């Protein structure tokens, strides 16, 4: 069996990549609708997710850590947090263990709003997962974990042909003006 030929009942790698891309686009469009419906920028929504994951993981998140996770400057992170605070989604609190540090937390109303909006998607996806056996879900889990790792590794790898540290070079498809 060749690499571009699917096994019996399977799919070729290019077909799987196309399906993954389509799923990613549809999930992104769903998230964009939430952001739009609630007056959030896409980066605001990404910040809420990063903060939520940190809170759920029991690891306090500082503004600096959020900036690193989102690849934002300090001023952009401050503007982002100001927007999220004004909207009632996020609070900045002094750390209980080190009063010099500020930690981010989500307000209960933000968590409830996200849960209400994303519940139909979660229910739909859960019904899809229910179609698979425990063993198949184990394979899906391993694939998703490995896929996340692969995406992180690819993102962190230096881009070939990049002419600017923040992008905009040949790797991004954007051309920079030539000096005379």
N, C-alpha and C. Protein backbone atom coordinates (compact mmCIF):
# COMPACT_ATOMS: atom_id res chain seq x y z
N UNK A 1 0.85 -1.17 0.00
CA UNK A 1 0.00 0.00 0.00
C UNK A 1 0.90 1.23 0.00
N UNK A 2 0.60 2.20 -0.88
CA UNK A 2 1.42 3.41 -0.97
C UNK A 2 0.93 4.45 0.04
N UNK A 3 1.77 5.47 0.27
CA UNK A 3 1.46 6.51 1.26
C UNK A 3 0.24 7.33 0.86
N UNK A 4 0.00 7.46 -0.46
CA UNK A 4 -1.13 8.29 -0.87
C UNK A 4 -2.39 7.46 -1.14
N UNK A 5 -2.32 6.20 -0.81
CA UNK A 5 -3.45 5.32 -1.04
C UNK A 5 -4.03 4.89 0.30
N UNK A 6 -5.32 5.06 0.53
CA UNK A 6 -5.89 4.72 1.82
C UNK A 6 -5.98 3.22 2.04
N UNK A 7 -5.90 2.82 3.30
CA UNK A 7 -6.15 1.44 3.68
C UNK A 7 -7.64 1.17 3.51
N UNK A 8 -8.02 -0.07 3.54
CA UNK A 8 -9.44 -0.43 3.40
C UNK A 8 -10.26 0.36 4.42
N UNK A 9 -11.24 1.12 3.94
CA UNK A 9 -12.11 1.89 4.84
C UNK A 9 -11.46 3.15 5.39
N UNK A 10 -10.21 3.39 5.01
CA UNK A 10 -9.50 4.54 5.56
C UNK A 10 -9.49 5.71 4.60
N UNK A 11 -8.62 6.66 4.90
CA UNK A 11 -8.50 7.85 4.05
C UNK A 11 -7.02 8.15 3.88
N UNK A 12 -6.67 8.66 2.71
CA UNK A 12 -5.29 9.06 2.46
C UNK A 12 -4.96 10.29 3.30
N UNK A 13 -3.67 10.44 3.61
CA UNK A 13 -3.24 11.57 4.43
C UNK A 13 -3.71 12.92 3.86
N UNK A 14 -3.60 13.15 2.55
CA UNK A 14 -4.10 14.44 2.03
C UNK A 14 -5.59 14.64 2.29
N UNK A 15 -6.38 13.57 2.21
CA UNK A 15 -7.81 13.68 2.50
C UNK A 15 -8.04 14.05 3.96
N UNK A 16 -7.27 13.45 4.85
CA UNK A 16 -7.39 13.75 6.28
C UNK A 16 -6.98 15.19 6.56
N UNK A 17 -5.92 15.65 5.91
CA UNK A 17 -5.49 17.04 6.10
C UNK A 17 -6.56 18.01 5.61
N UNK A 18 -7.20 17.69 4.50
CA UNK A 18 -8.29 18.54 3.99
C UNK A 18 -9.44 18.57 4.98
N UNK A 19 -9.80 17.41 5.52
CA UNK A 19 -10.89 17.36 6.50
C UNK A 19 -10.53 18.13 7.77
N UNK A 20 -9.28 18.01 8.21
CA UNK A 20 -8.85 18.76 9.40
C UNK A 20 -8.94 20.26 9.15
N UNK A 21 -8.49 20.68 7.97
CA UNK A 21 -8.55 22.11 7.63
C UNK A 21 -9.99 22.58 7.62
N UNK A 22 -10.88 21.80 7.04
CA UNK A 22 -12.29 22.19 6.98
C UNK A 22 -12.90 22.26 8.39
N UNK A 23 -12.56 21.29 9.26
CA UNK A 23 -13.05 21.33 10.63
C UNK A 23 -12.52 22.56 11.35
N UNK A 24 -11.25 22.85 11.17
CA UNK A 24 -10.65 24.02 11.81
C UNK A 24 -11.36 25.30 11.37
N UNK A 25 -11.63 25.41 10.08
CA UNK A 25 -12.30 26.60 9.56
C UNK A 25 -13.71 26.71 10.16
N UNK A 26 -14.44 25.62 10.21
CA UNK A 26 -15.81 25.66 10.76
C UNK A 26 -15.81 25.99 12.25
N UNK A 27 -14.88 25.43 13.01
CA UNK A 27 -14.78 25.75 14.43
C UNK A 27 -14.39 27.22 14.62
N UNK A 28 -13.51 27.70 13.75
CA UNK A 28 -13.10 29.10 13.81
C UNK A 28 -14.28 30.02 13.50
N UNK A 29 -15.05 29.67 12.50
CA UNK A 29 -16.23 30.48 12.15
C UNK A 29 -17.23 30.50 13.30
N UNK A 30 -17.40 29.38 13.97
CA UNK A 30 -18.30 29.31 15.13
C UNK A 30 -17.80 30.25 16.23
N UNK A 31 -16.50 30.19 16.51
CA UNK A 31 -15.92 31.07 17.54
C UNK A 31 -16.02 32.53 17.15
N UNK A 32 -15.82 32.82 15.86
CA UNK A 32 -15.94 34.21 15.39
C UNK A 32 -17.36 34.73 15.59
N UNK A 33 -18.35 33.87 15.40
CA UNK A 33 -19.74 34.30 15.62
C UNK A 33 -19.95 34.69 17.08
N UNK A 34 -19.41 33.88 17.99
CA UNK A 34 -19.50 34.20 19.41
C UNK A 34 -18.85 35.55 19.69
N UNK A 35 -17.62 35.73 19.17
CA UNK A 35 -16.91 37.00 19.40
C UNK A 35 -17.71 38.16 18.85
N UNK A 36 -18.21 38.03 17.65
CA UNK A 36 -18.99 39.10 17.02
C UNK A 36 -20.27 39.40 17.80
N UNK A 37 -20.98 38.35 18.20
CA UNK A 37 -22.23 38.52 18.94
C UNK A 37 -22.04 39.25 20.27
N UNK A 38 -20.81 39.17 20.81
CA UNK A 38 -20.57 39.75 22.13
C UNK A 38 -19.56 40.89 22.10
N UNK A 39 -19.36 41.46 20.92
CA UNK A 39 -18.52 42.64 20.79
C UNK A 39 -17.06 42.40 21.15
N UNK A 40 -16.58 41.21 20.90
CA UNK A 40 -15.19 40.89 21.21
C UNK A 40 -14.37 40.81 19.93
N UNK A 41 -13.10 41.16 20.06
CA UNK A 41 -12.15 40.91 18.98
C UNK A 41 -11.77 39.43 19.05
N UNK A 42 -11.27 38.89 17.97
CA UNK A 42 -10.86 37.48 17.99
C UNK A 42 -9.75 37.26 19.03
N UNK A 43 -8.84 38.22 19.14
CA UNK A 43 -7.77 38.11 20.14
C UNK A 43 -8.35 38.11 21.55
N UNK A 44 -9.43 38.87 21.78
CA UNK A 44 -10.09 38.87 23.09
C UNK A 44 -10.58 37.47 23.42
N UNK A 45 -11.22 36.83 22.45
CA UNK A 45 -11.73 35.48 22.66
C UNK A 45 -10.58 34.51 22.92
N UNK A 46 -9.51 34.63 22.15
CA UNK A 46 -8.35 33.77 22.38
C UNK A 46 -7.81 33.97 23.80
N UNK A 47 -7.78 35.22 24.26
CA UNK A 47 -7.31 35.50 25.62
C UNK A 47 -8.20 34.83 26.66
N UNK A 48 -9.49 34.92 26.47
CA UNK A 48 -10.42 34.29 27.41
C UNK A 48 -10.16 32.79 27.48
N UNK A 49 -9.93 32.17 26.34
CA UNK A 49 -9.66 30.72 26.31
C UNK A 49 -8.35 30.40 27.03
N UNK A 50 -7.31 31.19 26.79
CA UNK A 50 -6.02 30.96 27.46
C UNK A 50 -6.18 31.11 28.97
N UNK A 51 -6.90 32.14 29.41
CA UNK A 51 -7.11 32.35 30.85
C UNK A 51 -7.93 31.21 31.43
N UNK A 52 -9.00 30.80 30.72
CA UNK A 52 -9.85 29.72 31.19
C UNK A 52 -9.05 28.42 31.34
N UNK A 53 -8.22 28.11 30.36
CA UNK A 53 -7.41 26.89 30.44
C UNK A 53 -6.43 26.95 31.61
N UNK A 54 -5.85 28.12 31.86
CA UNK A 54 -4.92 28.27 32.98
C UNK A 54 -5.64 28.09 34.31
N UNK A 55 -6.82 28.70 34.42
CA UNK A 55 -7.60 28.57 35.66
C UNK A 55 -7.99 27.11 35.88
N UNK A 56 -8.48 26.46 34.83
CA UNK A 56 -8.86 25.03 34.95
C UNK A 56 -7.67 24.16 35.28
N UNK A 57 -6.48 24.54 34.79
CA UNK A 57 -5.27 23.77 35.07
C UNK A 57 -4.65 24.08 36.42
N UNK A 58 -5.22 25.05 37.13
CA UNK A 58 -4.71 25.41 38.45
C UNK A 58 -3.42 26.20 38.42
N UNK A 59 -3.07 26.75 37.25
CA UNK A 59 -1.85 27.54 37.11
C UNK A 59 -2.22 29.01 36.92
N UNK A 60 -1.95 29.85 37.91
CA UNK A 60 -2.28 31.27 37.75
C UNK A 60 -1.59 31.86 36.53
N UNK A 61 -2.29 32.73 35.85
CA UNK A 61 -1.78 33.36 34.64
C UNK A 61 -1.57 34.84 34.90
N UNK A 62 -0.39 35.33 34.56
CA UNK A 62 -0.09 36.75 34.71
C UNK A 62 -0.30 37.43 33.36
N UNK A 63 -0.42 38.75 33.36
CA UNK A 63 -0.49 39.46 32.08
C UNK A 63 0.70 39.16 31.17
N UNK A 64 1.88 39.03 31.74
CA UNK A 64 3.07 38.71 30.93
C UNK A 64 2.97 37.33 30.29
N UNK A 65 2.44 36.37 31.04
CA UNK A 65 2.26 35.02 30.49
C UNK A 65 1.22 35.03 29.38
N UNK A 66 0.17 35.81 29.57
CA UNK A 66 -0.86 35.94 28.53
C UNK A 66 -0.26 36.57 27.28
N UNK A 67 0.54 37.60 27.46
CA UNK A 67 1.19 38.25 26.31
C UNK A 67 2.03 37.25 25.55
N UNK A 68 2.77 36.41 26.26
CA UNK A 68 3.59 35.39 25.61
C UNK A 68 2.75 34.36 24.87
N UNK A 69 1.66 33.95 25.49
CA UNK A 69 0.79 32.94 24.87
C UNK A 69 0.14 33.46 23.60
N UNK A 70 -0.15 34.77 23.57
CA UNK A 70 -0.83 35.36 22.42
C UNK A 70 0.11 36.09 21.47
N UNK A 71 1.41 36.12 21.82
CA UNK A 71 2.40 36.83 21.02
C UNK A 71 2.05 38.31 20.87
N UNK A 72 1.74 38.93 22.02
CA UNK A 72 1.37 40.35 22.04
C UNK A 72 2.42 41.16 22.80
N UNK A 73 2.53 42.43 22.47
CA UNK A 73 3.39 43.34 23.21
C UNK A 73 2.71 43.67 24.54
N UNK A 74 3.48 44.26 25.45
CA UNK A 74 2.91 44.67 26.74
C UNK A 74 1.79 45.70 26.55
N UNK A 75 1.97 46.74 25.72
CA UNK A 75 0.88 47.70 25.54
C UNK A 75 -0.37 47.06 24.92
N UNK A 76 -0.19 46.16 23.97
CA UNK A 76 -1.35 45.50 23.35
C UNK A 76 -2.07 44.61 24.38
N UNK A 77 -1.30 43.97 25.26
CA UNK A 77 -1.90 43.12 26.29
C UNK A 77 -2.68 43.98 27.28
N UNK A 78 -2.13 45.12 27.65
CA UNK A 78 -2.84 46.03 28.56
C UNK A 78 -4.15 46.49 27.93
N UNK A 79 -4.13 46.87 26.66
CA UNK A 79 -5.35 47.29 25.98
C UNK A 79 -6.37 46.16 25.92
N UNK A 80 -5.90 44.96 25.65
CA UNK A 80 -6.76 43.78 25.61
C UNK A 80 -7.41 43.55 26.97
N UNK A 81 -6.61 43.56 28.02
CA UNK A 81 -7.15 43.33 29.37
C UNK A 81 -8.11 44.44 29.79
N UNK A 82 -7.81 45.67 29.40
CA UNK A 82 -8.73 46.78 29.71
C UNK A 82 -10.09 46.54 29.04
N UNK A 83 -10.08 46.10 27.78
CA UNK A 83 -11.34 45.81 27.07
C UNK A 83 -12.10 44.68 27.78
N UNK A 84 -11.39 43.63 28.13
CA UNK A 84 -12.05 42.48 28.77
C UNK A 84 -12.57 42.83 30.16
N UNK A 85 -11.86 43.69 30.88
CA UNK A 85 -12.34 44.14 32.19
C UNK A 85 -13.59 45.01 32.04
N UNK A 86 -13.55 45.95 31.10
CA UNK A 86 -14.71 46.83 30.87
C UNK A 86 -15.95 46.01 30.49
N UNK A 87 -15.74 44.94 29.73
CA UNK A 87 -16.85 44.09 29.31
C UNK A 87 -17.32 43.16 30.43
N UNK A 88 -16.58 43.13 31.54
CA UNK A 88 -16.97 42.30 32.68
C UNK A 88 -16.55 40.85 32.57
N UNK A 89 -15.57 40.55 31.70
CA UNK A 89 -15.17 39.16 31.50
C UNK A 89 -13.97 38.74 32.35
N UNK A 90 -13.08 39.67 32.64
CA UNK A 90 -11.81 39.33 33.29
C UNK A 90 -11.57 40.25 34.47
N UNK A 91 -10.87 39.72 35.47
CA UNK A 91 -10.42 40.53 36.61
C UNK A 91 -8.92 40.35 36.76
N UNK A 92 -8.25 41.44 37.14
CA UNK A 92 -6.84 41.37 37.52
C UNK A 92 -6.82 41.42 39.04
N UNK A 93 -6.17 40.44 39.65
CA UNK A 93 -6.11 40.37 41.12
C UNK A 93 -4.66 40.19 41.56
N UNK A 94 -4.38 40.72 42.73
CA UNK A 94 -3.07 40.50 43.33
C UNK A 94 -2.96 39.03 43.74
N UNK A 95 -1.79 38.45 43.52
CA UNK A 95 -1.54 37.06 43.89
C UNK A 95 -1.64 36.91 45.40
N UNK A 96 -2.22 35.83 45.83
CA UNK A 96 -2.33 35.55 47.27
C UNK A 96 -0.98 35.18 47.86
N UNK A 97 -0.07 34.66 47.02
CA UNK A 97 1.23 34.23 47.51
C UNK A 97 2.34 35.26 47.30
N UNK A 98 2.16 36.16 46.35
CA UNK A 98 3.15 37.21 46.08
C UNK A 98 2.40 38.46 45.65
N UNK A 99 2.20 39.37 46.59
CA UNK A 99 1.37 40.56 46.35
C UNK A 99 1.93 41.46 45.25
N UNK A 100 3.18 41.25 44.83
CA UNK A 100 3.74 42.04 43.74
C UNK A 100 3.22 41.58 42.38
N UNK A 101 2.72 40.36 42.32
CA UNK A 101 2.25 39.79 41.06
C UNK A 101 0.76 40.00 40.87
N UNK A 102 0.38 40.20 39.61
CA UNK A 102 -1.03 40.30 39.23
C UNK A 102 -1.39 39.01 38.50
N UNK A 103 -2.52 38.45 38.87
CA UNK A 103 -3.01 37.23 38.21
C UNK A 103 -4.36 37.53 37.57
N UNK A 104 -4.64 36.81 36.50
CA UNK A 104 -5.88 37.00 35.76
C UNK A 104 -6.86 35.91 36.09
N UNK A 105 -8.12 36.29 36.19
CA UNK A 105 -9.17 35.31 36.42
C UNK A 105 -10.40 35.73 35.62
N UNK A 106 -11.20 34.75 35.28
CA UNK A 106 -12.44 35.03 34.56
C UNK A 106 -13.55 35.28 35.55
N UNK A 107 -14.41 36.20 35.23
CA UNK A 107 -15.59 36.45 36.06
C UNK A 107 -16.62 35.37 35.77
N UNK A 108 -17.44 35.08 36.74
CA UNK A 108 -18.44 34.01 36.61
C UNK A 108 -19.37 34.24 35.43
N UNK A 109 -19.72 35.50 35.17
CA UNK A 109 -20.62 35.79 34.06
C UNK A 109 -20.00 35.43 32.72
N UNK A 110 -18.68 35.59 32.58
CA UNK A 110 -18.00 35.24 31.32
C UNK A 110 -18.01 33.74 31.12
N UNK A 111 -17.77 33.00 32.19
CA UNK A 111 -17.78 31.54 32.11
C UNK A 111 -19.17 31.05 31.75
N UNK A 112 -20.20 31.61 32.40
CA UNK A 112 -21.58 31.19 32.13
C UNK A 112 -21.98 31.53 30.69
N UNK A 113 -21.60 32.70 30.22
CA UNK A 113 -21.91 33.10 28.85
C UNK A 113 -21.28 32.15 27.84
N UNK A 114 -20.01 31.84 28.03
CA UNK A 114 -19.31 30.94 27.12
C UNK A 114 -19.92 29.54 27.17
N UNK A 115 -20.25 29.08 28.36
CA UNK A 115 -20.85 27.74 28.48
C UNK A 115 -22.19 27.68 27.75
N UNK A 116 -23.01 28.72 27.90
CA UNK A 116 -24.31 28.74 27.19
C UNK A 116 -24.14 28.75 25.68
N UNK A 117 -23.20 29.56 25.20
CA UNK A 117 -23.02 29.68 23.76
C UNK A 117 -22.41 28.41 23.16
N UNK A 118 -21.40 27.85 23.85
CA UNK A 118 -20.68 26.71 23.28
C UNK A 118 -21.33 25.36 23.61
N UNK A 119 -22.35 25.34 24.46
CA UNK A 119 -23.02 24.07 24.82
C UNK A 119 -23.58 23.35 23.60
N UNK A 120 -24.25 24.02 22.66
CA UNK A 120 -24.75 23.28 21.50
C UNK A 120 -23.63 22.63 20.68
N UNK A 121 -22.52 23.32 20.53
CA UNK A 121 -21.39 22.74 19.81
C UNK A 121 -20.85 21.54 20.58
N UNK A 122 -20.70 21.69 21.89
CA UNK A 122 -20.20 20.58 22.72
C UNK A 122 -21.14 19.39 22.63
N UNK A 123 -22.44 19.63 22.68
CA UNK A 123 -23.42 18.54 22.57
C UNK A 123 -23.32 17.85 21.21
N UNK A 124 -23.20 18.65 20.15
CA UNK A 124 -23.09 18.08 18.81
C UNK A 124 -21.83 17.23 18.67
N UNK A 125 -20.73 17.75 19.15
CA UNK A 125 -19.48 16.99 19.07
C UNK A 125 -19.52 15.75 19.95
N UNK A 126 -20.15 15.85 21.12
CA UNK A 126 -20.27 14.67 21.99
C UNK A 126 -21.07 13.57 21.30
N UNK A 127 -22.11 13.95 20.56
CA UNK A 127 -22.89 12.93 19.85
C UNK A 127 -22.05 12.29 18.75
N UNK A 128 -21.13 13.05 18.16
CA UNK A 128 -20.22 12.47 17.17
C UNK A 128 -19.27 11.49 17.87
N UNK A 129 -18.69 11.89 19.00
CA UNK A 129 -17.77 11.00 19.72
C UNK A 129 -18.47 9.72 20.16
N UNK A 130 -19.76 9.82 20.49
CA UNK A 130 -20.52 8.64 20.93
C UNK A 130 -20.63 7.58 19.84
N UNK A 131 -20.39 7.95 18.60
CA UNK A 131 -20.46 6.99 17.49
C UNK A 131 -19.23 6.09 17.43
N UNK A 132 -18.21 6.42 18.22
CA UNK A 132 -16.96 5.68 18.19
C UNK A 132 -16.83 4.82 19.45
N UNK A 133 -16.10 3.73 19.30
CA UNK A 133 -15.84 2.86 20.46
C UNK A 133 -14.82 3.53 21.36
N UNK A 134 -14.67 3.00 22.57
CA UNK A 134 -13.65 3.53 23.49
C UNK A 134 -12.27 3.45 22.85
N UNK A 135 -11.98 2.34 22.17
CA UNK A 135 -10.68 2.17 21.52
C UNK A 135 -10.48 3.21 20.42
N UNK A 136 -11.50 3.46 19.62
CA UNK A 136 -11.40 4.46 18.56
C UNK A 136 -11.22 5.86 19.15
N UNK A 137 -11.94 6.15 20.24
CA UNK A 137 -11.76 7.46 20.89
C UNK A 137 -10.35 7.61 21.44
N UNK A 138 -9.75 6.49 21.88
CA UNK A 138 -8.35 6.52 22.32
C UNK A 138 -7.42 6.89 21.19
N UNK A 139 -7.68 6.35 19.99
CA UNK A 139 -6.87 6.69 18.81
C UNK A 139 -7.07 8.17 18.46
N UNK A 140 -8.32 8.63 18.51
CA UNK A 140 -8.60 10.05 18.21
C UNK A 140 -7.85 10.94 19.20
N UNK A 141 -7.88 10.57 20.48
CA UNK A 141 -7.19 11.36 21.51
C UNK A 141 -5.70 11.42 21.24
N UNK A 142 -5.10 10.25 20.94
CA UNK A 142 -3.66 10.22 20.63
C UNK A 142 -3.35 11.08 19.42
N UNK A 143 -4.20 11.00 18.40
CA UNK A 143 -3.99 11.81 17.19
C UNK A 143 -4.07 13.30 17.52
N UNK A 144 -5.09 13.70 18.27
CA UNK A 144 -5.25 15.12 18.59
C UNK A 144 -4.08 15.61 19.43
N UNK A 145 -3.65 14.84 20.43
CA UNK A 145 -2.49 15.23 21.24
C UNK A 145 -1.25 15.39 20.36
N UNK A 146 -1.01 14.40 19.49
CA UNK A 146 0.16 14.46 18.60
C UNK A 146 0.02 15.60 17.60
N UNK A 147 -1.19 15.83 17.09
CA UNK A 147 -1.42 16.93 16.15
C UNK A 147 -1.17 18.29 16.78
N UNK A 148 -1.61 18.46 18.02
CA UNK A 148 -1.35 19.72 18.74
C UNK A 148 0.15 19.91 18.89
N UNK A 149 0.85 18.86 19.29
CA UNK A 149 2.31 18.95 19.42
C UNK A 149 2.98 19.29 18.10
N UNK A 150 2.50 18.70 17.01
CA UNK A 150 3.07 18.98 15.69
C UNK A 150 2.82 20.43 15.29
N UNK A 151 1.62 20.95 15.58
CA UNK A 151 1.31 22.34 15.24
C UNK A 151 2.18 23.29 16.05
N UNK A 152 2.39 23.00 17.31
CA UNK A 152 3.24 23.85 18.16
C UNK A 152 4.67 23.82 17.65
N UNK A 153 5.16 22.62 17.33
CA UNK A 153 6.54 22.50 16.84
C UNK A 153 6.71 23.26 15.52
N UNK A 154 5.74 23.16 14.62
CA UNK A 154 5.82 23.87 13.34
C UNK A 154 5.78 25.37 13.54
N UNK A 155 4.95 25.83 14.48
CA UNK A 155 4.85 27.26 14.75
C UNK A 155 6.15 27.80 15.33
N UNK A 156 6.82 27.02 16.15
CA UNK A 156 8.04 27.48 16.81
C UNK A 156 9.28 27.33 15.94
N UNK A 157 9.19 26.58 14.86
CA UNK A 157 10.31 26.40 13.95
C UNK A 157 10.50 27.67 13.14
N UNK A 158 11.75 28.12 12.95
CA UNK A 158 11.97 29.31 12.13
C UNK A 158 11.44 29.09 10.72
N UNK A 159 10.76 30.09 10.21
CA UNK A 159 10.21 30.01 8.86
C UNK A 159 11.31 30.25 7.84
N UNK A 160 11.30 29.47 6.80
CA UNK A 160 12.27 29.62 5.72
C UNK A 160 11.92 30.86 4.91
N UNK A 161 12.90 31.71 4.65
CA UNK A 161 12.67 32.87 3.81
C UNK A 161 12.05 34.06 4.53
N UNK A 162 11.87 33.97 5.84
CA UNK A 162 11.27 35.08 6.57
C UNK A 162 12.25 36.23 6.59
N UNK A 163 11.78 37.42 6.21
CA UNK A 163 12.67 38.58 6.17
C UNK A 163 12.47 39.51 7.34
N UNK A 164 11.46 39.24 8.16
CA UNK A 164 11.16 40.11 9.28
C UNK A 164 10.77 39.21 10.46
N UNK A 165 11.26 39.50 11.68
CA UNK A 165 10.98 38.61 12.81
C UNK A 165 9.50 38.46 13.13
N UNK A 166 8.65 39.41 12.77
CA UNK A 166 7.21 39.32 13.05
C UNK A 166 6.43 38.87 11.83
N UNK A 167 7.13 38.36 10.82
CA UNK A 167 6.43 37.89 9.62
C UNK A 167 6.58 38.88 8.49
N UNK A 168 5.80 38.67 7.45
CA UNK A 168 5.80 39.59 6.33
C UNK A 168 6.82 39.25 5.26
N UNK A 169 7.59 38.18 5.44
CA UNK A 169 8.58 37.80 4.45
C UNK A 169 8.01 36.83 3.44
N UNK A 170 8.91 36.15 2.76
CA UNK A 170 8.50 35.21 1.72
C UNK A 170 7.64 34.10 2.29
N UNK A 171 7.90 33.70 3.53
CA UNK A 171 7.14 32.61 4.12
C UNK A 171 5.67 32.96 4.28
N UNK A 172 5.36 34.22 4.48
CA UNK A 172 3.96 34.62 4.65
C UNK A 172 3.28 34.98 3.34
N UNK A 173 4.06 35.06 2.28
CA UNK A 173 3.49 35.43 0.99
C UNK A 173 3.39 36.92 0.78
N UNK A 174 3.83 37.72 1.75
CA UNK A 174 3.80 39.17 1.60
C UNK A 174 5.15 39.67 1.16
N UNK A 175 5.16 40.59 0.26
CA UNK A 175 6.42 41.14 -0.24
C UNK A 175 6.68 42.48 0.43
N UNK A 176 7.93 42.66 0.82
CA UNK A 176 8.34 43.92 1.42
C UNK A 176 8.87 44.82 0.32
N UNK A 177 8.60 46.13 0.42
CA UNK A 177 9.09 47.04 -0.61
C UNK A 177 10.62 47.03 -0.66
N UNK A 178 11.14 47.15 -1.86
CA UNK A 178 12.59 47.19 -2.04
C UNK A 178 13.06 48.64 -1.94
N UNK A 179 14.19 48.83 -1.27
CA UNK A 179 14.78 50.16 -1.17
C UNK A 179 15.52 50.46 -2.46
N UNK A 180 15.55 51.74 -2.87
CA UNK A 180 16.27 52.13 -4.09
C UNK A 180 17.73 52.28 -3.85
